[in-house]
Amino acid sequence: MKVSVVGAAGYTGGELLRLVHAHPKLELVQALSRRHAGRPVAEVHPNLHHLALTFRAPQELEPVDTAFLALPSGASAEVEAGVGERAETIVDLSPDFRGGGLSADGTAYRTGLPELFADELVGATRISVPGCMATAAILALAPVQRAGLVAGDVVVDARAGSSGSGAEPGPASHHAERGNAFRVYKPAGHRHETEIAALAGVRARMTVTAVPTVRGAQVLCHVTPPQPVTRREVLQVLQRAYRDHPFVRIVARGRGVHRMPDPQFLGGTNFVDIGCAVDEDGGRIVLVAALDNLVKGAAGGGVQSLNVACGMPEDAGLEFPGLHPA
């Protein structure tokens, strides 16, 4: 299957190039970038020095089976019609088509979250991947909501690494400002709240803090159940929900240093780790989920969704297990 990546110079674009190149069923045809057209890919992504590939301008997109769009908000919507004329399938990583948006030809975009929407993805030709922090929160919250363990609003406390801000530098991403800061940059009204509500079925109140790391996202979801519960009951709900899903791992260790999901061990992987704690009186559930924002939260989630859509093994090209120490 021939694949091109539009917006290949960004961090998510680089991860798509890495994953598609290593995929047993995909052939990487083009890396497209308006700003870097004509330059070797390795100048921007030094980890891909082994790829003899040069960036091409977006208007040079050749006919392919699938095009990934790794573009900023608003940019995918501008180019989607033209890309659709040259690609049978489009996988969009931006916010532009989330929530069931329509492509230029009227085709509905399907949600690229196979753990919850695999049936809808089968045969899909338009796929939109949720945001990284939204993905972590949705996968943590959906099973407990479906089990009737959520009463009222949920508080989602999220922490994000700097790569989530993209490759283009700005005042807030300057190292002198970001390096040692724990900056609360969205204390209320984050746009992921609507995604979480639509896909997990809960009303979320979300706060996001920028933390001094490059990769990774972690969310702590504070849930009030309608009646007291135990940690064992919550773990059983999570384990039943994801027992057949290769990329969700339920962390239930009672001992050791790393008892809760930590994104430092998920760099480069397509896993999301989920753990939980419950107050002694059973009146509050704390769900903790972690992932690599550039992989499971973006590029890997897109490749995983394409695998499902095209009838390939769900884990094809996504088997990397992570590193320790990281």
C-alpha atoms as a PDB file:
ATOM      1  CA  MET A   1       0.000   0.000   0.000  1.00  0.00           C
ATOM      2  CA  LYS A   2       1.550   3.305  -1.124  1.00  0.00           C
ATOM      3  CA  VAL A   3       1.577   6.057   1.523  1.00  0.00           C
ATOM      4  CA  SER A   4       2.567   9.716   1.615  1.00  0.00           C
ATOM      5  CA  VAL A   5       2.794  12.097   4.553  1.00  0.00           C
ATOM      6  CA  VAL A   6       1.642  15.709   4.137  1.00  0.00           C
ATOM      7  CA  GLY A   7       3.220  17.943   6.773  1.00  0.00           C
ATOM      8  CA  ALA A   8       6.116  15.548   7.195  1.00  0.00           C
ATOM      9  CA  ALA A   9       8.531  18.095   8.687  1.00  0.00           C
ATOM     10  CA  GLY A  10       6.741  18.395  12.029  1.00  0.00           C
ATOM     11  CA  TYR A  11       7.268  16.137  15.018  1.00  0.00           C
ATOM     12  CA  THR A  12       4.166  14.075  14.268  1.00  0.00           C
ATOM     13  CA  GLY A  13       5.139  13.963  10.597  1.00  0.00           C
ATOM     14  CA  GLY A  14       8.553  12.600  11.528  1.00  0.00           C
ATOM     15  CA  GLU A  15       6.968   9.866  13.628  1.00  0.00           C
ATOM     16  CA  LEU A  16       4.715   8.962  10.707  1.00  0.00           C
ATOM     17  CA  LEU A  17       7.728   8.654   8.411  1.00  0.00           C
ATOM     18  CA  ARG A  18       9.450   6.394  10.947  1.00  0.00           C
ATOM     19  CA  LEU A  19       6.424   4.166  11.467  1.00  0.00           C
ATOM     20  CA  VAL A  20       5.375   3.915   7.830  1.00  0.00           C
ATOM     21  CA  HIS A  21       8.931   3.118   6.715  1.00  0.00           C
ATOM     22  CA  ALA A  22       9.129   0.223   9.198  1.00  0.00           C
ATOM     23  CA  HIS A  23       5.622  -1.078   8.482  1.00  0.00           C
ATOM     24  CA  PRO A  24       5.577  -4.492   6.759  1.00  0.00           C
ATOM     25  CA  LYS A  25       2.599  -3.633   4.521  1.00  0.00           C
ATOM     26  CA  LEU A  26       3.133   0.066   3.776  1.00  0.00           C
ATOM     27  CA  GLU A  27       5.445   1.692   1.234  1.00  0.00           C
ATOM     28  CA  LEU A  28       6.559   5.249   2.008  1.00  0.00           C
ATOM     29  CA  VAL A  29       6.362   7.192  -1.258  1.00  0.00           C
ATOM     30  CA  GLN A  30       6.674  10.874  -0.373  1.00  0.00           C
ATOM     31  CA  ALA A  31       7.385  13.241   2.500  1.00  0.00           C
ATOM     32  CA  LEU A  32       5.713  16.564   1.748  1.00  0.00           C
ATOM     33  CA  SER A  33       6.529  19.913   3.316  1.00  0.00           C
ATOM     34  CA  ARG A  34       5.927  23.426   2.031  1.00  0.00           C
ATOM     35  CA  ARG A  35       8.751  24.968   4.055  1.00  0.00           C
ATOM     36  CA  HIS A  36      11.409  22.291   3.495  1.00  0.00           C
ATOM     37  CA  ALA A  37      10.731  21.229  -0.089  1.00  0.00           C
ATOM     38  CA  GLY A  38      13.929  20.141  -1.813  1.00  0.00           C
ATOM     39  CA  ARG A  39      15.840  19.413   1.404  1.00  0.00           C
ATOM     40  CA  PRO A  40      16.805  15.938   2.621  1.00  0.00           C
ATOM     41  CA  VAL A  41      14.505  14.521   5.276  1.00  0.00           C
ATOM     42  CA  ALA A  42      17.508  13.843   7.537  1.00  0.00           C
ATOM     43  CA  GLU A  43      18.190  17.583   7.858  1.00  0.00           C
ATOM     44  CA  VAL A  44      14.960  17.914   9.811  1.00  0.00           C
ATOM     45  CA  HIS A  45      14.661  14.403  11.284  1.00  0.00           C
ATOM     46  CA  PRO A  46      18.237  13.264  12.089  1.00  0.00           C
ATOM     47  CA  ASN A  47      17.009   9.898  13.378  1.00  0.00           C
ATOM     48  CA  LEU A  48      15.911   9.124   9.795  1.00  0.00           C
ATOM     49  CA  HIS A  49      19.344   9.559   8.253  1.00  0.00           C
ATOM     50  CA  HIS A  50      19.003   6.076   6.730  1.00  0.00           C
ATOM     51  CA  LEU A  51      16.086   7.220   4.558  1.00  0.00           C
ATOM     52  CA  ALA A  52      17.190   8.389   1.109  1.00  0.00           C
ATOM     53  CA  LEU A  53      14.242  10.736   0.901  1.00  0.00           C
ATOM     54  CA  THR A  54      13.836  14.403   0.015  1.00  0.00           C
ATOM     55  CA  PHE A  55      10.943  16.624   1.007  1.00  0.00           C
ATOM     56  CA  ARG A  56       8.605  17.529  -1.839  1.00  0.00           C
ATOM     57  CA  ALA A  57       6.183  20.439  -2.049  1.00  0.00           C
ATOM     58  CA  PRO A  58       2.568  19.563  -1.146  1.00  0.00           C
ATOM     59  CA  GLN A  59       1.330  20.348  -4.644  1.00  0.00           C
ATOM     60  CA  GLU A  60       3.609  17.576  -5.917  1.00  0.00           C
ATOM     61  CA  LEU A  61       1.630  14.881  -4.128  1.00  0.00           C
ATOM     62  CA  GLU A  62       1.500  11.781  -6.316  1.00  0.00           C
ATOM     63  CA  PRO A  63      -1.470   9.361  -6.431  1.00  0.00           C
ATOM     64  CA  VAL A  64      -1.276   7.039  -3.419  1.00  0.00           C
ATOM     65  CA  ASP A  65      -3.477   4.628  -1.521  1.00  0.00           C
ATOM     66  CA  THR A  66      -3.279   6.614   1.726  1.00  0.00           C
ATOM     67  CA  ALA A  67      -2.252  10.135   2.686  1.00  0.00           C
ATOM     68  CA  PHE A  68      -1.596  11.101   6.291  1.00  0.00           C
ATOM     69  CA  LEU A  69      -2.228  14.768   7.101  1.00  0.00           C
ATOM     70  CA  ALA A  70       0.036  15.979   9.917  1.00  0.00           C
ATOM     71  CA  LEU A  71      -0.851  19.649   9.680  1.00  0.00           C
ATOM     72  CA  PRO A  72      -1.716  22.462  12.111  1.00  0.00           C
ATOM     73  CA  SER A  73      -5.295  23.280  13.001  1.00  0.00           C
ATOM     74  CA  GLY A  74      -7.114  24.734  10.002  1.00  0.00           C
ATOM     75  CA  ALA A  75      -4.543  23.619   7.434  1.00  0.00           C
ATOM     76  CA  SER A  76      -6.004  20.142   6.834  1.00  0.00           C
ATOM     77  CA  ALA A  77      -9.388  21.575   5.940  1.00  0.00           C
ATOM     78  CA  GLU A  78      -7.743  23.827   3.346  1.00  0.00           C
ATOM     79  CA  VAL A  79      -5.957  21.030   1.468  1.00  0.00           C
ATOM     80  CA  GLU A  80      -8.245  18.044   2.098  1.00  0.00           C
ATOM     81  CA  ALA A  81     -10.199  18.348  -1.158  1.00  0.00           C
ATOM     82  CA  GLY A  82      -7.047  18.325  -3.278  1.00  0.00           C
ATOM     83  CA  VAL A  83      -5.509  15.468  -1.318  1.00  0.00           C
ATOM     84  CA  GLY A  84      -8.728  13.494  -1.680  1.00  0.00           C
ATOM     85  CA  GLU A  85      -8.358  13.622  -5.468  1.00  0.00           C
ATOM     86  CA  ARG A  86      -5.020  11.798  -5.219  1.00  0.00           C
ATOM     87  CA  ALA A  87      -5.486   9.505  -2.217  1.00  0.00           C
ATOM     88  CA  GLU A  88      -8.166   6.889  -1.713  1.00  0.00           C
ATOM     89  CA  THR A  89      -7.846   7.100   2.082  1.00  0.00           C
ATOM     90  CA  ILE A  90      -7.023  10.104   4.268  1.00  0.00           C
ATOM     91  CA  VAL A  91      -5.932   9.866   7.907  1.00  0.00           C
ATOM     92  CA  ASP A  92      -6.013  13.297   9.520  1.00  0.00           C
ATOM     93  CA  LEU A  93      -4.086  14.062  12.716  1.00  0.00           C
ATOM     94  CA  SER A  94      -5.357  17.644  13.139  1.00  0.00           C
ATOM     95  CA  PRO A  95      -8.513  18.820  14.964  1.00  0.00           C
ATOM     96  CA  ASP A  96     -10.193  19.813  11.701  1.00  0.00           C
ATOM     97  CA  PHE A  97     -12.410  16.769  11.172  1.00  0.00           C
ATOM     98  CA  ARG A  98     -12.852  15.442  14.697  1.00  0.00           C
ATOM     99  CA  GLY A  99     -16.364  14.798  15.877  1.00  0.00           C
ATOM    100  CA  GLY A 100     -17.729  13.370  12.624  1.00  0.00           C
ATOM    101  CA  GLY A 101     -16.707  16.099  10.190  1.00  0.00           C
ATOM    102  CA  LEU A 102     -17.329  15.633   6.486  1.00  0.00           C
ATOM    103  CA  SER A 103     -14.713  15.504   3.763  1.00  0.00           C
ATOM    104  CA  ALA A 104     -15.011  17.650   0.646  1.00  0.00           C
ATOM    105  CA  ASP A 105     -16.738  14.773  -1.155  1.00  0.00           C
ATOM    106  CA  GLY A 106     -19.267  14.329   1.656  1.00  0.00           C
ATOM    107  CA  THR A 107     -17.682  11.256   3.257  1.00  0.00           C
ATOM    108  CA  ALA A 108     -17.922  11.220   7.057  1.00  0.00           C
ATOM    109  CA  TYR A 109     -14.690  11.043   9.022  1.00  0.00           C
ATOM    110  CA  ARG A 110     -14.537   8.113  11.446  1.00  0.00           C
ATOM    111  CA  THR A 111     -12.924   8.397  14.862  1.00  0.00           C
ATOM    112  CA  GLY A 112      -9.438   6.888  14.888  1.00  0.00           C
ATOM    113  CA  LEU A 113      -9.639   5.190  18.264  1.00  0.00           C
ATOM    114  CA  PRO A 114      -9.827   1.430  17.572  1.00  0.00           C
ATOM    115  CA  GLU A 115     -10.259   0.426  21.211  1.00  0.00           C
ATOM    116  CA  LEU A 116     -13.716   2.026  21.188  1.00  0.00           C
ATOM    117  CA  PHE A 117     -14.696   2.369  17.535  1.00  0.00           C
ATOM    118  CA  ALA A 118     -13.132  -0.544  15.645  1.00  0.00           C
ATOM    119  CA  ASP A 119     -16.394  -1.561  13.965  1.00  0.00           C
ATOM    120  CA  GLU A 120     -16.861   1.927  12.519  1.00  0.00           C
ATOM    121  CA  LEU A 121     -13.276   1.985  11.247  1.00  0.00           C
ATOM    122  CA  VAL A 122     -13.504  -1.197   9.168  1.00  0.00           C
ATOM    123  CA  GLY A 123     -13.439  -0.107   5.530  1.00  0.00           C
ATOM    124  CA  ALA A 124     -13.251   3.607   6.417  1.00  0.00           C
ATOM    125  CA  THR A 125     -11.591   5.915   3.886  1.00  0.00           C
ATOM    126  CA  ARG A 126     -11.663   9.062   6.054  1.00  0.00           C
ATOM    127  CA  ILE A 127     -10.215   8.829   9.573  1.00  0.00           C
ATOM    128  CA  SER A 128      -9.681  11.542  12.195  1.00  0.00           C
ATOM    129  CA  VAL A 129      -7.471  10.798  15.209  1.00  0.00           C
ATOM    130  CA  PRO A 130      -8.394  12.383  18.577  1.00  0.00           C
ATOM    131  CA  GLY A 131      -5.977  14.665  20.417  1.00  0.00           C
ATOM    132  CA  CYS A 132      -3.247  13.135  22.550  1.00  0.00           C
ATOM    133  CA  MET A 133      -4.492  14.144  26.004  1.00  0.00           C
ATOM    134  CA  ALA A 134      -8.061  13.459  24.914  1.00  0.00           C
ATOM    135  CA  THR A 135      -7.059   9.935  23.858  1.00  0.00           C
ATOM    136  CA  ALA A 136      -5.570   9.208  27.288  1.00  0.00           C
ATOM    137  CA  ALA A 137      -8.580  10.596  29.141  1.00  0.00           C
ATOM    138  CA  ILE A 138     -11.174   8.930  26.895  1.00  0.00           C
ATOM    139  CA  LEU A 139      -9.599   5.495  27.205  1.00  0.00           C
ATOM    140  CA  ALA A 140      -9.395   5.857  30.984  1.00  0.00           C
ATOM    141  CA  LEU A 141     -12.936   7.157  31.424  1.00  0.00           C
ATOM    142  CA  ALA A 142     -15.051   5.292  28.855  1.00  0.00           C
ATOM    143  CA  PRO A 143     -15.094   1.899  30.652  1.00  0.00           C
ATOM    144  CA  VAL A 144     -16.029   3.324  34.061  1.00  0.00           C
ATOM    145  CA  GLN A 145     -18.727   5.501  32.493  1.00  0.00           C
ATOM    146  CA  ARG A 146     -20.193   2.502  30.675  1.00  0.00           C
ATOM    147  CA  ALA A 147     -20.120   0.552  33.945  1.00  0.00           C
ATOM    148  CA  GLY A 148     -22.202   3.237  35.653  1.00  0.00           C
ATOM    149  CA  LEU A 149     -19.404   4.415  37.936  1.00  0.00           C
ATOM    150  CA  VAL A 150     -19.543   8.129  37.058  1.00  0.00           C
ATOM    151  CA  ALA A 151     -21.841  10.590  38.817  1.00  0.00           C
ATOM    152  CA  GLY A 152     -21.552  14.246  37.839  1.00  0.00           C
ATOM    153  CA  ASP A 153     -18.625  16.066  36.307  1.00  0.00           C
ATOM    154  CA  VAL A 154     -15.136  14.600  35.977  1.00  0.00           C
ATOM    155  CA  VAL A 155     -11.988  16.647  36.679  1.00  0.00           C
ATOM    156  CA  VAL A 156      -9.147  15.904  34.258  1.00  0.00           C
ATOM    157  CA  ASP A 157      -5.712  17.152  35.333  1.00  0.00           C
ATOM    158  CA  ALA A 158      -3.375  16.784  32.346  1.00  0.00           C
ATOM    159  CA  ARG A 159       0.388  17.239  31.960  1.00  0.00           C
ATOM    160  CA  ALA A 160       2.039  17.595  28.555  1.00  0.00           C
ATOM    161  CA  GLY A 161       5.594  17.600  27.209  1.00  0.00           C
ATOM    162  CA  SER A 162       6.922  20.316  24.928  1.00  0.00           C
ATOM    163  CA  SER A 163       6.647  18.322  21.692  1.00  0.00           C
ATOM    164  CA  GLY A 164       2.873  18.653  22.015  1.00  0.00           C
ATOM    165  CA  SER A 165       3.263  22.307  21.044  1.00  0.00           C
ATOM    166  CA  GLY A 166       4.685  21.376  17.640  1.00  0.00           C
ATOM    167  CA  ALA A 167       7.987  21.980  15.910  1.00  0.00           C
ATOM    168  CA  GLU A 168       7.531  25.701  15.276  1.00  0.00           C
ATOM    169  CA  PRO A 169       9.154  27.681  18.134  1.00  0.00           C
ATOM    170  CA  GLY A 170       7.354  30.413  20.037  1.00  0.00           C
ATOM    171  CA  PRO A 171       7.829  32.535  23.168  1.00  0.00           C
ATOM    172  CA  ALA A 172       6.319  29.864  25.411  1.00  0.00           C
ATOM    173  CA  SER A 173       8.482  27.061  23.972  1.00  0.00           C
ATOM    174  CA  HIS A 174      11.780  28.950  24.273  1.00  0.00           C
ATOM    175  CA  HIS A 175      14.052  26.849  26.502  1.00  0.00           C
ATOM    176  CA  ALA A 176      14.715  29.685  28.932  1.00  0.00           C
ATOM    177  CA  GLU A 177      10.961  29.953  29.526  1.00  0.00           C
ATOM    178  CA  ARG A 178      10.062  26.267  29.330  1.00  0.00           C
ATOM    179  CA  GLY A 179      13.093  24.421  30.671  1.00  0.00           C
ATOM    180  CA  ASN A 180      12.243  24.197  34.388  1.00  0.00           C
ATOM    181  CA  ALA A 181       8.683  25.443  34.351  1.00  0.00           C
ATOM    182  CA  PHE A 182       5.459  23.727  35.371  1.00  0.00           C
ATOM    183  CA  ARG A 183       3.277  26.198  33.497  1.00  0.00           C
ATOM    184  CA  VAL A 184      -0.491  25.941  33.811  1.00  0.00           C
ATOM    185  CA  TYR A 185      -1.356  27.167  30.342  1.00  0.00           C
ATOM    186  CA  LYS A 186      -4.999  26.146  30.096  1.00  0.00           C
ATOM    187  CA  PRO A 187      -6.624  26.163  33.543  1.00  0.00           C
ATOM    188  CA  ALA A 188     -10.186  26.032  32.154  1.00  0.00           C
ATOM    189  CA  GLY A 189     -12.089  25.557  28.905  1.00  0.00           C
ATOM    190  CA  HIS A 190      -9.641  23.339  26.990  1.00  0.00           C
ATOM    191  CA  ARG A 191     -10.979  22.191  23.612  1.00  0.00           C
ATOM    192  CA  HIS A 192     -10.367  18.539  24.549  1.00  0.00           C
ATOM    193  CA  GLU A 193     -13.308  18.819  26.970  1.00  0.00           C
ATOM    194  CA  THR A 194     -15.749  18.521  24.062  1.00  0.00           C
ATOM    195  CA  GLU A 195     -13.875  15.517  22.627  1.00  0.00           C
ATOM    196  CA  ILE A 196     -13.936  13.741  25.972  1.00  0.00           C
ATOM    197  CA  ALA A 197     -17.640  14.447  26.388  1.00  0.00           C
ATOM    198  CA  ALA A 198     -18.488  13.179  22.908  1.00  0.00           C
ATOM    199  CA  LEU A 199     -16.357  10.026  22.960  1.00  0.00           C
ATOM    200  CA  ALA A 200     -16.330   9.011  26.641  1.00  0.00           C
ATOM    201  CA  GLY A 201     -19.821  10.191  27.525  1.00  0.00           C
ATOM    202  CA  VAL A 202     -18.806  12.297  30.524  1.00  0.00           C
ATOM    203  CA  ARG A 203     -18.696  16.010  31.219  1.00  0.00           C
ATOM    204  CA  ALA A 204     -15.049  16.867  31.770  1.00  0.00           C
ATOM    205  CA  ARG A 205     -13.474  19.884  33.453  1.00  0.00           C
ATOM    206  CA  MET A 206      -9.894  19.941  32.192  1.00  0.00           C
ATOM    207  CA  THR A 207      -6.712  21.694  33.284  1.00  0.00           C
ATOM    208  CA  VAL A 208      -3.445  21.361  31.354  1.00  0.00           C
ATOM    209  CA  THR A 209       0.074  21.960  32.659  1.00  0.00           C
ATOM    210  CA  ALA A 210       3.192  22.157  30.489  1.00  0.00           C
ATOM    211  CA  VAL A 211       5.931  20.141  32.204  1.00  0.00           C
ATOM    212  CA  PRO A 212       9.709  20.130  31.548  1.00  0.00           C
ATOM    213  CA  THR A 213       9.952  17.050  29.360  1.00  0.00           C
ATOM    214  CA  VAL A 214       9.883  16.580  25.595  1.00  0.00           C
ATOM    215  CA  ARG A 215       7.631  13.588  25.005  1.00  0.00           C
ATOM    216  CA  GLY A 216       4.691  12.282  26.905  1.00  0.00           C
ATOM    217  CA  ALA A 217       1.248  13.077  28.246  1.00  0.00           C
ATOM    218  CA  GLN A 218      -0.299  12.016  31.523  1.00  0.00           C
ATOM    219  CA  VAL A 219      -3.831  12.594  32.787  1.00  0.00           C
ATOM    220  CA  LEU A 220      -5.326  12.191  36.251  1.00  0.00           C
ATOM    221  CA  CYS A 221      -9.100  11.823  36.064  1.00  0.00           C
ATOM    222  CA  HIS A 222     -10.978  12.434  39.317  1.00  0.00           C
ATOM    223  CA  VAL A 223     -14.313  10.619  39.278  1.00  0.00           C
ATOM    224  CA  THR A 224     -17.100  10.577  41.859  1.00  0.00           C
ATOM    225  CA  PRO A 225     -19.002   7.270  41.709  1.00  0.00           C
ATOM    226  CA  PRO A 226     -22.746   7.101  42.514  1.00  0.00           C
ATOM    227  CA  GLN A 227     -21.999   4.724  45.395  1.00  0.00           C
ATOM    228  CA  PRO A 228     -18.768   3.628  47.131  1.00  0.00           C
ATOM    229  CA  VAL A 229     -16.514   1.301  45.126  1.00  0.00           C
ATOM    230  CA  THR A 230     -13.268  -0.574  45.675  1.00  0.00           C
ATOM    231  CA  ARG A 231     -10.067  -0.420  43.672  1.00  0.00           C
ATOM    232  CA  ARG A 232     -10.521  -4.070  42.788  1.00  0.00           C
ATOM    233  CA  GLU A 233     -13.924  -3.358  41.253  1.00  0.00           C
ATOM    234  CA  VAL A 234     -12.536  -0.523  39.147  1.00  0.00           C
ATOM    235  CA  LEU A 235      -9.581  -2.612  37.987  1.00  0.00           C
ATOM    236  CA  GLN A 236     -11.933  -5.398  36.942  1.00  0.00           C
ATOM    237  CA  VAL A 237     -13.937  -2.941  34.844  1.00  0.00           C
ATOM    238  CA  LEU A 238     -10.788  -1.720  33.093  1.00  0.00           C
ATOM    239  CA  GLN A 239      -9.378  -5.220  32.571  1.00  0.00           C
ATOM    240  CA  ARG A 240     -12.620  -6.521  31.065  1.00  0.00           C
ATOM    241  CA  ALA A 241     -12.875  -3.526  28.749  1.00  0.00           C
ATOM    242  CA  TYR A 242      -9.378  -3.890  27.300  1.00  0.00           C
ATOM    243  CA  ARG A 243      -8.504  -7.573  27.567  1.00  0.00           C
ATOM    244  CA  ASP A 244      -8.636  -7.973  23.769  1.00  0.00           C
ATOM    245  CA  HIS A 245      -6.864  -4.706  22.903  1.00  0.00           C
ATOM    246  CA  PRO A 246      -3.109  -4.982  22.359  1.00  0.00           C
ATOM    247  CA  PHE A 247      -2.171  -1.378  23.093  1.00  0.00           C
ATOM    248  CA  VAL A 248      -3.929  -0.760  26.409  1.00  0.00           C
ATOM    249  CA  ARG A 249      -2.094  -2.015  29.473  1.00  0.00           C
ATOM    250  CA  ILE A 250      -3.715  -1.932  32.893  1.00  0.00           C
ATOM    251  CA  VAL A 251      -1.127  -1.111  35.541  1.00  0.00           C
ATOM    252  CA  ALA A 252      -2.175  -2.754  38.803  1.00  0.00           C
ATOM    253  CA  ARG A 253       1.075  -3.088  40.736  1.00  0.00           C
ATOM    254  CA  GLY A 254       0.828  -2.693  44.500  1.00  0.00           C
ATOM    255  CA  ARG A 255       4.571  -2.475  45.067  1.00  0.00           C
ATOM    256  CA  GLY A 256       7.659  -0.930  43.494  1.00  0.00           C
ATOM    257  CA  VAL A 257       8.714   2.576  42.540  1.00  0.00           C
ATOM    258  CA  HIS A 258       6.613   2.861  39.388  1.00  0.00           C
ATOM    259  CA  ARG A 259       3.139   1.896  40.550  1.00  0.00           C
ATOM    260  CA  MET A 260       1.246   4.337  38.352  1.00  0.00           C
ATOM    261  CA  PRO A 261       1.497   4.946  34.574  1.00  0.00           C
ATOM    262  CA  ASP A 262       4.458   7.133  33.669  1.00  0.00           C
ATOM    263  CA  PRO A 263       5.049   8.431  30.123  1.00  0.00           C
ATOM    264  CA  GLN A 264       8.838   8.220  30.476  1.00  0.00           C
ATOM    265  CA  PHE A 265       8.644   4.477  29.765  1.00  0.00           C
ATOM    266  CA  LEU A 266       6.345   4.863  26.772  1.00  0.00           C
ATOM    267  CA  GLY A 267       8.542   6.944  24.478  1.00  0.00           C
ATOM    268  CA  GLY A 268       8.290   5.683  20.899  1.00  0.00           C
ATOM    269  CA  THR A 269       5.573   3.150  21.740  1.00  0.00           C
ATOM    270  CA  ASN A 270       1.913   2.889  20.814  1.00  0.00           C
ATOM    271  CA  PHE A 271       0.841   1.839  24.303  1.00  0.00           C
ATOM    272  CA  VAL A 272      -1.398   3.680  26.711  1.00  0.00           C
ATOM    273  CA  ASP A 273      -0.999   2.597  30.331  1.00  0.00           C
ATOM    274  CA  ILE A 274      -3.954   3.010  32.708  1.00  0.00           C
ATOM    275  CA  GLY A 275      -3.972   2.655  36.480  1.00  0.00           C
ATOM    276  CA  CYS A 276      -6.294   3.631  39.295  1.00  0.00           C
ATOM    277  CA  ALA A 277      -6.612   4.442  42.972  1.00  0.00           C
ATOM    278  CA  VAL A 278      -9.693   4.719  45.175  1.00  0.00           C
ATOM    279  CA  ASP A 279     -10.162   6.694  48.412  1.00  0.00           C
ATOM    280  CA  GLU A 280     -10.483   4.662  51.597  1.00  0.00           C
ATOM    281  CA  ASP A 281     -14.200   5.416  51.797  1.00  0.00           C
ATOM    282  CA  GLY A 282     -14.712   4.458  48.150  1.00  0.00           C
ATOM    283  CA  GLY A 283     -16.064   7.904  47.343  1.00  0.00           C
ATOM    284  CA  ARG A 284     -13.494   8.964  44.746  1.00  0.00           C
ATOM    285  CA  ILE A 285     -11.820   7.150  41.857  1.00  0.00           C
ATOM    286  CA  VAL A 286      -8.550   8.499  40.460  1.00  0.00           C
ATOM    287  CA  LEU A 287      -7.735   7.144  37.013  1.00  0.00           C
ATOM    288  CA  VAL A 288      -4.203   7.697  35.720  1.00  0.00           C
ATOM    289  CA  ALA A 289      -3.349   7.282  32.036  1.00  0.00           C
ATOM    290  CA  ALA A 290      -0.086   7.915  30.197  1.00  0.00           C
ATOM    291  CA  LEU A 291       1.085   7.723  26.585  1.00  0.00           C
ATOM    292  CA  ASP A 292       3.589   9.091  24.100  1.00  0.00           C
ATOM    293  CA  ASN A 293       1.786  12.110  22.670  1.00  0.00           C
ATOM    294  CA  LEU A 294       3.507  11.724  19.282  1.00  0.00           C
ATOM    295  CA  VAL A 295       2.806   8.003  18.871  1.00  0.00           C
ATOM    296  CA  LYS A 296      -0.342   6.616  20.518  1.00  0.00           C
ATOM    297  CA  GLY A 297      -1.580  10.203  20.812  1.00  0.00           C
ATOM    298  CA  ALA A 298      -0.993  10.978  17.133  1.00  0.00           C
ATOM    299  CA  ALA A 299       1.057   9.081  14.507  1.00  0.00           C
ATOM    300  CA  GLY A 300       0.774   5.616  16.047  1.00  0.00           C
ATOM    301  CA  GLY A 301      -2.932   6.038  16.616  1.00  0.00           C
ATOM    302  CA  GLY A 302      -3.258   6.935  12.935  1.00  0.00           C
ATOM    303  CA  VAL A 303      -1.304   3.894  11.756  1.00  0.00           C
ATOM    304  CA  GLN A 304      -3.239   1.631  14.138  1.00  0.00           C
ATOM    305  CA  SER A 305      -6.523   3.003  12.774  1.00  0.00           C
ATOM    306  CA  LEU A 306      -5.377   2.479   9.190  1.00  0.00           C
ATOM    307  CA  ASN A 307      -4.450  -1.112  10.049  1.00  0.00           C
ATOM    308  CA  VAL A 308      -7.989  -1.738  11.295  1.00  0.00           C
ATOM    309  CA  ALA A 309      -9.609   0.063   8.379  1.00  0.00           C
ATOM    310  CA  CYS A 310      -7.691  -1.995   5.831  1.00  0.00           C
ATOM    311  CA  GLY A 311      -7.973  -5.389   7.530  1.00  0.00           C
ATOM    312  CA  MET A 312      -4.312  -5.615   8.523  1.00  0.00           C
ATOM    313  CA  PRO A 313      -3.162  -6.847  11.954  1.00  0.00           C
ATOM    314  CA  GLU A 314      -3.897  -4.053  14.408  1.00  0.00           C
ATOM    315  CA  ASP A 315      -0.337  -4.039  15.743  1.00  0.00           C
ATOM    316  CA  ALA A 316       1.431  -4.144  12.353  1.00  0.00           C
ATOM    317  CA  GLY A 317       4.439  -1.829  12.438  1.00  0.00           C
ATOM    318  CA  LEU A 318       3.763  -0.815  16.047  1.00  0.00           C
ATOM    319  CA  GLU A 319       5.460  -3.538  18.078  1.00  0.00           C
ATOM    320  CA  PHE A 320       8.212  -1.444  19.739  1.00  0.00           C
ATOM    321  CA  PRO A 321       7.901  -2.106  23.509  1.00  0.00           C
ATOM    322  CA  GLY A 322       9.689   0.958  24.926  1.00  0.00           C
ATOM    323  CA  LEU A 323      12.879   1.368  26.931  1.00  0.00           C
ATOM    324  CA  HIS A 324      13.957   1.224  30.566  1.00  0.00           C
ATOM    325  CA  PRO A 325      15.743   3.176  31.868  1.00  0.00           C
ATOM    326  CA  ALA A 326      14.456   5.959  29.642  1.00  0.00           C
END
